[in-house]
């Protein structure tokens, strides 16, 4: 593990910059363990954060527009691998999303860093579980095209911790709470119980990650004297209308810190922007979980 001199922000930068996914995972897990031991701290004299940039990715990974990522049919090993790859790509992005929150947003309680270091650690485990399923289907990460929608939202919210907490955990990552149960159902119907079991683990742990976003979103709102529900509605309209696809996983979202009024508003806004065809209508073809 490179020496970062006990500096949590330098550790976050190294994880963000690392292009090799397996090394990114190894660094993440080593630094998360060091943080839990109390060996990494935010220095009192830290320089302002550097401008956000693309995190490290394998040179041979092809990034395309979301609409150019093909639908995956689960009836073949290659189709399952392409689908698993899409989820693995989300989990790799989620490692970087968590580290960028640690690195970028300053003047926050120690619990903020603890939450997002823990999230990065969880996401690294999720990536490795999915990579095992990729390998079992004859492929590896970067064998298929992927899109950059998660990181683009990260870039759009780099100036504002309140917007980041609202829009990345509570919109994009919360979308996974909505669509994962049907993904699991489709995978089991296709005979892939192993991948469905992995998604069940991920779904359970992602509830806590979205809950962390809810917690820190409300912390920012209280600090800035903002009413959380109305501001969330404004941010959705400004940044994220295209991501409002129903149906919503009401139970998971309630556990993740949404309240009944917010969920009613989400349903109303999704109706206004127009819902895409239900996933079930695609048969065994599944769209990207974050497709718009």
C-alpha atoms as a PDB file:
ATOM      1  CA  UNK A   1       0.000   0.000   0.000  1.00  0.00           C
ATOM      2  CA  UNK A   2       1.485   3.401  -0.942  1.00  0.00           C
ATOM      3  CA  UNK A   3       2.424   5.672   1.940  1.00  0.00           C
ATOM      4  CA  UNK A   4      -0.073   8.514   2.277  1.00  0.00           C
ATOM      5  CA  UNK A   5       1.290   9.736   5.604  1.00  0.00           C
ATOM      6  CA  UNK A   6      -1.957   9.133   7.473  1.00  0.00           C
ATOM      7  CA  UNK A   7      -3.789  11.555   5.132  1.00  0.00           C
ATOM      8  CA  UNK A   8      -7.305  10.344   4.284  1.00  0.00           C
ATOM      9  CA  UNK A   9      -7.642  12.836   1.433  1.00  0.00           C
ATOM     10  CA  UNK A  10      -4.471  11.579  -0.267  1.00  0.00           C
ATOM     11  CA  UNK A  11      -5.726   8.015   0.156  1.00  0.00           C
ATOM     12  CA  UNK A  12      -9.006   8.991  -1.524  1.00  0.00           C
ATOM     13  CA  UNK A  13      -7.104  10.610  -4.400  1.00  0.00           C
ATOM     14  CA  UNK A  14      -5.037   7.487  -4.958  1.00  0.00           C
ATOM     15  CA  UNK A  15      -8.104   5.280  -5.090  1.00  0.00           C
ATOM     16  CA  UNK A  16      -9.800   7.652  -7.521  1.00  0.00           C
ATOM     17  CA  UNK A  17      -6.775   7.820  -9.816  1.00  0.00           C
ATOM     18  CA  UNK A  18      -6.063   4.084  -9.936  1.00  0.00           C
ATOM     19  CA  UNK A  19      -6.912   2.682 -13.380  1.00  0.00           C
ATOM     20  CA  UNK A  20      -6.569  -1.030 -12.619  1.00  0.00           C
ATOM     21  CA  UNK A  21      -9.886  -2.188 -11.083  1.00  0.00           C
ATOM     22  CA  UNK A  22      -8.279  -4.900  -8.967  1.00  0.00           C
ATOM     23  CA  UNK A  23      -5.710  -2.475  -7.587  1.00  0.00           C
ATOM     24  CA  UNK A  24      -8.462   0.106  -6.980  1.00  0.00           C
ATOM     25  CA  UNK A  25     -10.284  -2.527  -4.941  1.00  0.00           C
ATOM     26  CA  UNK A  26      -7.137  -3.524  -3.041  1.00  0.00           C
ATOM     27  CA  UNK A  27      -6.300   0.101  -2.222  1.00  0.00           C
ATOM     28  CA  UNK A  28      -9.874   0.795  -1.175  1.00  0.00           C
ATOM     29  CA  UNK A  29      -9.992  -2.157   1.188  1.00  0.00           C
ATOM     30  CA  UNK A  30      -6.554  -1.422   2.655  1.00  0.00           C
ATOM     31  CA  UNK A  31      -7.327   2.252   3.228  1.00  0.00           C
ATOM     32  CA  UNK A  32     -10.773   1.473   4.664  1.00  0.00           C
ATOM     33  CA  UNK A  33      -9.135  -0.884   7.156  1.00  0.00           C
ATOM     34  CA  UNK A  34      -6.534   1.771   8.006  1.00  0.00           C
ATOM     35  CA  UNK A  35      -9.296   4.342   8.514  1.00  0.00           C
ATOM     36  CA  UNK A  36     -11.150   2.007  10.881  1.00  0.00           C
ATOM     37  CA  UNK A  37      -7.917   1.614  12.887  1.00  0.00           C
ATOM     38  CA  UNK A  38      -7.664   5.385  13.198  1.00  0.00           C
ATOM     39  CA  UNK A  39      -4.563   5.526  10.988  1.00  0.00           C
ATOM     40  CA  UNK A  40      -6.061   7.938   8.419  1.00  0.00           C
ATOM     41  CA  UNK A  41      -7.334  11.428   9.239  1.00  0.00           C
ATOM     42  CA  UNK A  42      -8.354  14.567   7.393  1.00  0.00           C
ATOM     43  CA  UNK A  43      -5.471  17.024   7.887  1.00  0.00           C
ATOM     44  CA  UNK A  44      -6.384  20.354   9.445  1.00  0.00           C
ATOM     45  CA  UNK A  45      -4.343  22.257   6.833  1.00  0.00           C
ATOM     46  CA  UNK A  46      -5.603  20.436   3.736  1.00  0.00           C
ATOM     47  CA  UNK A  47      -5.476  22.343   0.453  1.00  0.00           C
ATOM     48  CA  UNK A  48      -8.778  22.943  -1.366  1.00  0.00           C
ATOM     49  CA  UNK A  49      -9.902  19.990  -3.491  1.00  0.00           C
ATOM     50  CA  UNK A  50      -8.574  19.759  -7.027  1.00  0.00           C
ATOM     51  CA  UNK A  51     -11.107  20.129  -9.870  1.00  0.00           C
ATOM     52  CA  UNK A  52     -12.984  16.936 -10.491  1.00  0.00           C
ATOM     53  CA  UNK A  53     -11.787  14.758 -13.360  1.00  0.00           C
ATOM     54  CA  UNK A  54     -12.438  11.331 -14.765  1.00  0.00           C
ATOM     55  CA  UNK A  55     -11.321   8.610 -12.350  1.00  0.00           C
ATOM     56  CA  UNK A  56      -8.927   5.892 -13.412  1.00  0.00           C
ATOM     57  CA  UNK A  57     -10.353   3.318 -15.825  1.00  0.00           C
ATOM     58  CA  UNK A  58      -8.760   0.495 -17.833  1.00  0.00           C
ATOM     59  CA  UNK A  59      -7.400   1.853 -21.126  1.00  0.00           C
ATOM     60  CA  UNK A  60      -9.353  -0.740 -23.118  1.00  0.00           C
ATOM     61  CA  UNK A  61     -12.739   0.017 -21.506  1.00  0.00           C
ATOM     62  CA  UNK A  62     -15.052   1.446 -24.164  1.00  0.00           C
ATOM     63  CA  UNK A  63     -17.310   4.204 -22.812  1.00  0.00           C
ATOM     64  CA  UNK A  64     -20.375   4.999 -24.912  1.00  0.00           C
ATOM     65  CA  UNK A  65     -23.575   7.003 -24.573  1.00  0.00           C
ATOM     66  CA  UNK A  66     -26.235   5.352 -22.377  1.00  0.00           C
ATOM     67  CA  UNK A  67     -28.511   4.755 -25.369  1.00  0.00           C
ATOM     68  CA  UNK A  68     -25.662   2.905 -27.127  1.00  0.00           C
ATOM     69  CA  UNK A  69     -25.333   0.242 -24.436  1.00  0.00           C
ATOM     70  CA  UNK A  70     -27.229  -2.748 -25.868  1.00  0.00           C
ATOM     71  CA  UNK A  71     -29.959  -4.553 -23.979  1.00  0.00           C
ATOM     72  CA  UNK A  72     -28.831  -7.840 -22.494  1.00  0.00           C
ATOM     73  CA  UNK A  73     -30.724 -11.077 -23.103  1.00  0.00           C
ATOM     74  CA  UNK A  74     -30.221 -13.582 -20.330  1.00  0.00           C
ATOM     75  CA  UNK A  75     -30.733 -16.759 -22.315  1.00  0.00           C
ATOM     76  CA  UNK A  76     -27.038 -17.114 -23.166  1.00  0.00           C
ATOM     77  CA  UNK A  77     -23.818 -16.984 -21.174  1.00  0.00           C
ATOM     78  CA  UNK A  78     -22.655 -14.004 -23.243  1.00  0.00           C
ATOM     79  CA  UNK A  79     -25.911 -12.150 -22.601  1.00  0.00           C
ATOM     80  CA  UNK A  80     -25.689 -12.787 -18.863  1.00  0.00           C
ATOM     81  CA  UNK A  81     -22.059 -11.682 -18.882  1.00  0.00           C
ATOM     82  CA  UNK A  82     -22.948  -8.417 -20.627  1.00  0.00           C
ATOM     83  CA  UNK A  83     -25.683  -7.784 -18.065  1.00  0.00           C
ATOM     84  CA  UNK A  84     -23.397  -8.596 -15.127  1.00  0.00           C
ATOM     85  CA  UNK A  85     -20.770  -6.305 -16.653  1.00  0.00           C
ATOM     86  CA  UNK A  86     -23.224  -3.388 -16.605  1.00  0.00           C
ATOM     87  CA  UNK A  87     -23.850  -3.916 -12.884  1.00  0.00           C
ATOM     88  CA  UNK A  88     -20.137  -4.370 -12.162  1.00  0.00           C
ATOM     89  CA  UNK A  89     -19.462  -1.071 -13.926  1.00  0.00           C
ATOM     90  CA  UNK A  90     -21.992   0.645 -11.661  1.00  0.00           C
ATOM     91  CA  UNK A  91     -20.287  -0.815  -8.591  1.00  0.00           C
ATOM     92  CA  UNK A  92     -16.849   0.317  -9.796  1.00  0.00           C
ATOM     93  CA  UNK A  93     -18.252   3.813 -10.308  1.00  0.00           C
ATOM     94  CA  UNK A  94     -19.770   3.643  -6.843  1.00  0.00           C
ATOM     95  CA  UNK A  95     -16.322   3.077  -5.319  1.00  0.00           C
ATOM     96  CA  UNK A  96     -15.187   6.321  -6.932  1.00  0.00           C
ATOM     97  CA  UNK A  97     -18.379   8.182  -6.016  1.00  0.00           C
ATOM     98  CA  UNK A  98     -17.797   7.363  -2.360  1.00  0.00           C
ATOM     99  CA  UNK A  99     -14.110   8.319  -2.452  1.00  0.00           C
ATOM    100  CA  UNK A 100     -14.895  11.578  -4.247  1.00  0.00           C
ATOM    101  CA  UNK A 101     -17.360  12.492  -1.494  1.00  0.00           C
ATOM    102  CA  UNK A 102     -14.621  11.817   1.082  1.00  0.00           C
ATOM    103  CA  UNK A 103     -12.093  13.891  -0.859  1.00  0.00           C
ATOM    104  CA  UNK A 104     -14.191  16.772  -2.197  1.00  0.00           C
ATOM    105  CA  UNK A 105     -16.472  17.984   0.538  1.00  0.00           C
ATOM    106  CA  UNK A 106     -14.839  19.700   3.487  1.00  0.00           C
ATOM    107  CA  UNK A 107     -15.777  20.938   6.931  1.00  0.00           C
ATOM    108  CA  UNK A 108     -17.978  17.944   7.672  1.00  0.00           C
ATOM    109  CA  UNK A 109     -18.335  15.815  10.808  1.00  0.00           C
ATOM    110  CA  UNK A 110     -16.113  12.749  11.154  1.00  0.00           C
ATOM    111  CA  UNK A 111     -19.214  10.581  10.697  1.00  0.00           C
ATOM    112  CA  UNK A 112     -19.482  11.807   7.098  1.00  0.00           C
ATOM    113  CA  UNK A 113     -16.067  10.371   6.262  1.00  0.00           C
ATOM    114  CA  UNK A 114     -16.857   7.182   8.140  1.00  0.00           C
ATOM    115  CA  UNK A 115     -20.054   6.665   6.134  1.00  0.00           C
ATOM    116  CA  UNK A 116     -18.457   7.152   2.720  1.00  0.00           C
ATOM    117  CA  UNK A 117     -15.275   5.207   3.455  1.00  0.00           C
ATOM    118  CA  UNK A 118     -17.527   2.356   4.559  1.00  0.00           C
ATOM    119  CA  UNK A 119     -19.570   2.695   1.371  1.00  0.00           C
ATOM    120  CA  UNK A 120     -16.417   2.576  -0.783  1.00  0.00           C
ATOM    121  CA  UNK A 121     -15.374  -0.584   1.045  1.00  0.00           C
ATOM    122  CA  UNK A 122     -18.784  -2.209   0.487  1.00  0.00           C
ATOM    123  CA  UNK A 123     -18.819  -1.259  -3.192  1.00  0.00           C
ATOM    124  CA  UNK A 124     -15.384  -2.821  -3.657  1.00  0.00           C
ATOM    125  CA  UNK A 125     -16.736  -6.124  -2.301  1.00  0.00           C
ATOM    126  CA  UNK A 126     -19.743  -5.852  -4.592  1.00  0.00           C
ATOM    127  CA  UNK A 127     -17.486  -5.336  -7.594  1.00  0.00           C
ATOM    128  CA  UNK A 128     -15.458  -8.418  -6.743  1.00  0.00           C
ATOM    129  CA  UNK A 129     -18.570 -10.570  -6.272  1.00  0.00           C
ATOM    130  CA  UNK A 130     -19.783  -9.500  -9.701  1.00  0.00           C
ATOM    131  CA  UNK A 131     -16.366 -10.028 -11.262  1.00  0.00           C
ATOM    132  CA  UNK A 132     -16.487 -13.623 -10.026  1.00  0.00           C
ATOM    133  CA  UNK A 133     -19.792 -14.042 -11.853  1.00  0.00           C
ATOM    134  CA  UNK A 134     -18.289 -12.433 -14.968  1.00  0.00           C
ATOM    135  CA  UNK A 135     -15.392 -14.870 -14.889  1.00  0.00           C
ATOM    136  CA  UNK A 136     -17.805 -17.754 -14.429  1.00  0.00           C
ATOM    137  CA  UNK A 137     -19.471 -16.643 -17.667  1.00  0.00           C
ATOM    138  CA  UNK A 138     -16.192 -16.475 -19.573  1.00  0.00           C
ATOM    139  CA  UNK A 139     -15.556 -12.724 -19.435  1.00  0.00           C
ATOM    140  CA  UNK A 140     -13.888 -10.026 -17.354  1.00  0.00           C
ATOM    141  CA  UNK A 141     -14.433  -6.364 -16.584  1.00  0.00           C
ATOM    142  CA  UNK A 142     -13.906  -4.070 -19.607  1.00  0.00           C
ATOM    143  CA  UNK A 143     -14.898  -6.809 -22.083  1.00  0.00           C
ATOM    144  CA  UNK A 144     -18.109  -4.895 -22.910  1.00  0.00           C
ATOM    145  CA  UNK A 145     -19.006  -1.234 -23.561  1.00  0.00           C
ATOM    146  CA  UNK A 146     -20.276   0.803 -20.610  1.00  0.00           C
ATOM    147  CA  UNK A 147     -21.654   4.279 -20.097  1.00  0.00           C
ATOM    148  CA  UNK A 148     -20.609   7.091 -17.811  1.00  0.00           C
ATOM    149  CA  UNK A 149     -23.931   8.394 -16.492  1.00  0.00           C
ATOM    150  CA  UNK A 150     -23.115   7.996 -12.804  1.00  0.00           C
ATOM    151  CA  UNK A 151     -19.838   9.865 -13.039  1.00  0.00           C
ATOM    152  CA  UNK A 152     -21.377  12.629 -15.149  1.00  0.00           C
ATOM    153  CA  UNK A 153     -23.808  13.369 -12.322  1.00  0.00           C
ATOM    154  CA  UNK A 154     -20.865  13.326  -9.930  1.00  0.00           C
ATOM    155  CA  UNK A 155     -19.179  16.001 -12.079  1.00  0.00           C
ATOM    156  CA  UNK A 156     -22.347  18.108 -12.252  1.00  0.00           C
ATOM    157  CA  UNK A 157     -22.601  18.165  -8.440  1.00  0.00           C
ATOM    158  CA  UNK A 158     -18.906  18.631  -7.617  1.00  0.00           C
ATOM    159  CA  UNK A 159     -19.568  22.232  -6.531  1.00  0.00           C
ATOM    160  CA  UNK A 160     -22.311  21.436  -4.023  1.00  0.00           C
ATOM    161  CA  UNK A 161     -22.377  18.752  -1.354  1.00  0.00           C
ATOM    162  CA  UNK A 162     -26.107  19.201  -0.829  1.00  0.00           C
ATOM    163  CA  UNK A 163     -26.824  18.523  -4.511  1.00  0.00           C
ATOM    164  CA  UNK A 164     -24.417  15.579  -4.525  1.00  0.00           C
ATOM    165  CA  UNK A 165     -26.123  13.910  -1.590  1.00  0.00           C
ATOM    166  CA  UNK A 166     -29.544  14.523  -3.108  1.00  0.00           C
ATOM    167  CA  UNK A 167     -28.818  13.377  -6.625  1.00  0.00           C
ATOM    168  CA  UNK A 168     -26.230  10.602  -6.490  1.00  0.00           C
ATOM    169  CA  UNK A 169     -27.295   8.421  -3.539  1.00  0.00           C
ATOM    170  CA  UNK A 170     -30.973   9.468  -3.462  1.00  0.00           C
ATOM    171  CA  UNK A 171     -31.644   9.404  -7.211  1.00  0.00           C
ATOM    172  CA  UNK A 172     -29.122   7.358  -9.178  1.00  0.00           C
ATOM    173  CA  UNK A 173     -28.174   4.798  -6.544  1.00  0.00           C
ATOM    174  CA  UNK A 174     -31.748   4.651  -5.275  1.00  0.00           C
ATOM    175  CA  UNK A 175     -32.748   3.635  -8.787  1.00  0.00           C
ATOM    176  CA  UNK A 176     -30.979   0.354  -8.079  1.00  0.00           C
ATOM    177  CA  UNK A 177     -33.351  -0.266  -5.167  1.00  0.00           C
ATOM    178  CA  UNK A 178     -36.259  -0.046  -7.596  1.00  0.00           C
ATOM    179  CA  UNK A 179     -34.986  -2.294 -10.387  1.00  0.00           C
ATOM    180  CA  UNK A 180     -32.909  -4.934  -8.597  1.00  0.00           C
ATOM    181  CA  UNK A 181     -35.820  -7.121  -7.419  1.00  0.00           C
ATOM    182  CA  UNK A 182     -36.996  -7.615 -11.007  1.00  0.00           C
ATOM    183  CA  UNK A 183     -33.418  -8.272 -12.139  1.00  0.00           C
ATOM    184  CA  UNK A 184     -33.179 -11.014  -9.520  1.00  0.00           C
ATOM    185  CA  UNK A 185     -36.473 -12.487 -10.667  1.00  0.00           C
ATOM    186  CA  UNK A 186     -35.326 -12.532 -14.311  1.00  0.00           C
ATOM    187  CA  UNK A 187     -31.970 -14.077 -13.421  1.00  0.00           C
ATOM    188  CA  UNK A 188     -33.594 -16.851 -11.390  1.00  0.00           C
ATOM    189  CA  UNK A 189     -36.012 -17.520 -14.240  1.00  0.00           C
ATOM    190  CA  UNK A 190     -32.980 -17.864 -16.529  1.00  0.00           C
ATOM    191  CA  UNK A 191     -31.399 -20.351 -14.106  1.00  0.00           C
ATOM    192  CA  UNK A 192     -28.713 -18.017 -12.760  1.00  0.00           C
ATOM    193  CA  UNK A 193     -29.350 -18.256  -9.027  1.00  0.00           C
ATOM    194  CA  UNK A 194     -25.709 -17.442  -8.232  1.00  0.00           C
ATOM    195  CA  UNK A 195     -25.869 -13.959  -9.773  1.00  0.00           C
ATOM    196  CA  UNK A 196     -29.316 -13.362  -8.268  1.00  0.00           C
ATOM    197  CA  UNK A 197     -27.858 -14.209  -4.844  1.00  0.00           C
ATOM    198  CA  UNK A 198     -25.110 -11.630  -5.394  1.00  0.00           C
ATOM    199  CA  UNK A 199     -27.699  -8.992  -6.308  1.00  0.00           C
ATOM    200  CA  UNK A 200     -29.644  -9.857  -3.159  1.00  0.00           C
ATOM    201  CA  UNK A 201     -26.550  -9.049  -1.070  1.00  0.00           C
ATOM    202  CA  UNK A 202     -26.008  -5.816  -2.994  1.00  0.00           C
ATOM    203  CA  UNK A 203     -29.636  -4.726  -2.632  1.00  0.00           C
ATOM    204  CA  UNK A 204     -29.569  -5.267   1.121  1.00  0.00           C
ATOM    205  CA  UNK A 205     -26.377  -3.230   1.565  1.00  0.00           C
ATOM    206  CA  UNK A 206     -27.339  -0.489  -0.895  1.00  0.00           C
ATOM    207  CA  UNK A 207     -30.277   0.448   1.307  1.00  0.00           C
ATOM    208  CA  UNK A 208     -27.743   1.617   3.908  1.00  0.00           C
ATOM    209  CA  UNK A 209     -25.805   3.578   1.283  1.00  0.00           C
ATOM    210  CA  UNK A 210     -28.884   5.440   0.100  1.00  0.00           C
ATOM    211  CA  UNK A 211     -29.781   6.020   3.756  1.00  0.00           C
ATOM    212  CA  UNK A 212     -26.378   7.670   4.240  1.00  0.00           C
ATOM    213  CA  UNK A 213     -27.201   9.972   1.338  1.00  0.00           C
ATOM    214  CA  UNK A 214     -30.557  10.821   2.940  1.00  0.00           C
ATOM    215  CA  UNK A 215     -28.900  11.505   6.280  1.00  0.00           C
ATOM    216  CA  UNK A 216     -26.258  13.845   4.878  1.00  0.00           C
ATOM    217  CA  UNK A 217     -28.675  15.523   2.490  1.00  0.00           C
ATOM    218  CA  UNK A 218     -30.804  16.502   5.477  1.00  0.00           C
ATOM    219  CA  UNK A 219     -27.678  17.552   7.401  1.00  0.00           C
ATOM    220  CA  UNK A 220     -26.769  19.958   4.588  1.00  0.00           C
ATOM    221  CA  UNK A 221     -30.337  21.254   4.393  1.00  0.00           C
ATOM    222  CA  UNK A 222     -30.409  21.980   8.120  1.00  0.00           C
ATOM    223  CA  UNK A 223     -27.017  23.667   7.955  1.00  0.00           C
ATOM    224  CA  UNK A 224     -28.105  25.873   5.050  1.00  0.00           C
ATOM    225  CA  UNK A 225     -31.617  26.562   6.358  1.00  0.00           C
ATOM    226  CA  UNK A 226     -33.267  24.795   3.417  1.00  0.00           C
ATOM    227  CA  UNK A 227     -36.545  22.867   3.525  1.00  0.00           C
ATOM    228  CA  UNK A 228     -35.540  19.353   2.399  1.00  0.00           C
ATOM    229  CA  UNK A 229     -38.655  18.239   0.522  1.00  0.00           C
ATOM    230  CA  UNK A 230     -39.070  21.354  -1.609  1.00  0.00           C
ATOM    231  CA  UNK A 231     -35.337  21.548  -2.364  1.00  0.00           C
ATOM    232  CA  UNK A 232     -35.251  17.892  -3.395  1.00  0.00           C
ATOM    233  CA  UNK A 233     -38.150  18.509  -5.761  1.00  0.00           C
ATOM    234  CA  UNK A 234     -36.309  21.495  -7.257  1.00  0.00           C
ATOM    235  CA  UNK A 235     -33.105  19.494  -7.712  1.00  0.00           C
ATOM    236  CA  UNK A 236     -34.988  16.660  -9.388  1.00  0.00           C
ATOM    237  CA  UNK A 237     -36.533  19.081 -11.866  1.00  0.00           C
ATOM    238  CA  UNK A 238     -33.208  20.817 -12.503  1.00  0.00           C
ATOM    239  CA  UNK A 239     -30.951  17.784 -12.865  1.00  0.00           C
ATOM    240  CA  UNK A 240     -32.685  14.464 -12.880  1.00  0.00           C
ATOM    241  CA  UNK A 241     -36.146  14.339 -14.459  1.00  0.00           C
ATOM    242  CA  UNK A 242     -35.024  11.685 -16.931  1.00  0.00           C
ATOM    243  CA  UNK A 243     -34.116   9.305 -14.115  1.00  0.00           C
ATOM    244  CA  UNK A 244     -37.592   9.280 -12.569  1.00  0.00           C
ATOM    245  CA  UNK A 245     -38.832   5.900 -13.698  1.00  0.00           C
ATOM    246  CA  UNK A 246     -41.487   3.981 -11.833  1.00  0.00           C
ATOM    247  CA  UNK A 247     -42.456   1.746 -10.278  1.00  0.00           C
ATOM    248  CA  UNK A 248     -40.594   2.578  -7.087  1.00  0.00           C
ATOM    249  CA  UNK A 249     -39.525   0.123  -4.401  1.00  0.00           C
ATOM    250  CA  UNK A 250     -41.479   1.844  -1.641  1.00  0.00           C
ATOM    251  CA  UNK A 251     -40.360  -0.453   1.183  1.00  0.00           C
ATOM    252  CA  UNK A 252     -36.653  -0.136   0.345  1.00  0.00           C
ATOM    253  CA  UNK A 253     -36.873   3.617  -0.149  1.00  0.00           C
ATOM    254  CA  UNK A 254     -38.611   4.082   3.203  1.00  0.00           C
ATOM    255  CA  UNK A 255     -35.807   2.087   4.849  1.00  0.00           C
ATOM    256  CA  UNK A 256     -33.317   4.284   2.969  1.00  0.00           C
ATOM    257  CA  UNK A 257     -34.615   7.512   4.484  1.00  0.00           C
ATOM    258  CA  UNK A 258     -37.340   8.689   2.113  1.00  0.00           C
ATOM    259  CA  UNK A 259     -40.575   9.764   3.725  1.00  0.00           C
ATOM    260  CA  UNK A 260     -44.100   9.243   2.458  1.00  0.00           C
ATOM    261  CA  UNK A 261     -44.431  12.797   1.126  1.00  0.00           C
ATOM    262  CA  UNK A 262     -41.196  12.509  -0.863  1.00  0.00           C
ATOM    263  CA  UNK A 263     -42.304   9.207  -2.360  1.00  0.00           C
ATOM    264  CA  UNK A 264     -45.677  10.632  -3.340  1.00  0.00           C
ATOM    265  CA  UNK A 265     -43.880  13.503  -5.058  1.00  0.00           C
ATOM    266  CA  UNK A 266     -41.513  11.101  -6.861  1.00  0.00           C
ATOM    267  CA  UNK A 267     -44.473   9.140  -8.200  1.00  0.00           C
ATOM    268  CA  UNK A 268     -46.179  12.347  -9.325  1.00  0.00           C
ATOM    269  CA  UNK A 269     -43.064  13.636 -11.100  1.00  0.00           C
ATOM    270  CA  UNK A 270     -42.435  10.277 -12.760  1.00  0.00           C
ATOM    271  CA  UNK A 271     -45.983  10.376 -14.102  1.00  0.00           C
ATOM    272  CA  UNK A 272     -45.342  13.861 -15.494  1.00  0.00           C
ATOM    273  CA  UNK A 273     -42.122  12.982 -17.314  1.00  0.00           C
ATOM    274  CA  UNK A 274     -43.647   9.769 -18.658  1.00  0.00           C
ATOM    275  CA  UNK A 275     -42.737   6.244 -17.698  1.00  0.00           C
ATOM    276  CA  UNK A 276     -40.795   3.960 -20.010  1.00  0.00           C
ATOM    277  CA  UNK A 277     -42.175   0.571 -20.862  1.00  0.00           C
ATOM    278  CA  UNK A 278     -42.209  -1.669 -17.828  1.00  0.00           C
ATOM    279  CA  UNK A 279     -39.149  -3.866 -17.554  1.00  0.00           C
ATOM    280  CA  UNK A 280     -41.333  -6.929 -17.683  1.00  0.00           C
ATOM    281  CA  UNK A 281     -42.363  -6.025 -21.227  1.00  0.00           C
ATOM    282  CA  UNK A 282     -38.809  -6.648 -22.406  1.00  0.00           C
ATOM    283  CA  UNK A 283     -39.046 -10.357 -21.617  1.00  0.00           C
ATOM    284  CA  UNK A 284     -35.543 -11.628 -20.932  1.00  0.00           C
ATOM    285  CA  UNK A 285     -33.920  -8.415 -22.242  1.00  0.00           C
ATOM    286  CA  UNK A 286     -32.960  -6.083 -19.418  1.00  0.00           C
ATOM    287  CA  UNK A 287     -32.024  -2.425 -19.859  1.00  0.00           C
ATOM    288  CA  UNK A 288     -29.227  -0.812 -17.949  1.00  0.00           C
ATOM    289  CA  UNK A 289     -30.358  -0.178 -14.343  1.00  0.00           C
ATOM    290  CA  UNK A 290     -29.539   3.517 -14.724  1.00  0.00           C
ATOM    291  CA  UNK A 291     -30.738   3.975 -18.287  1.00  0.00           C
ATOM    292  CA  UNK A 292     -32.927   6.940 -19.004  1.00  0.00           C
END
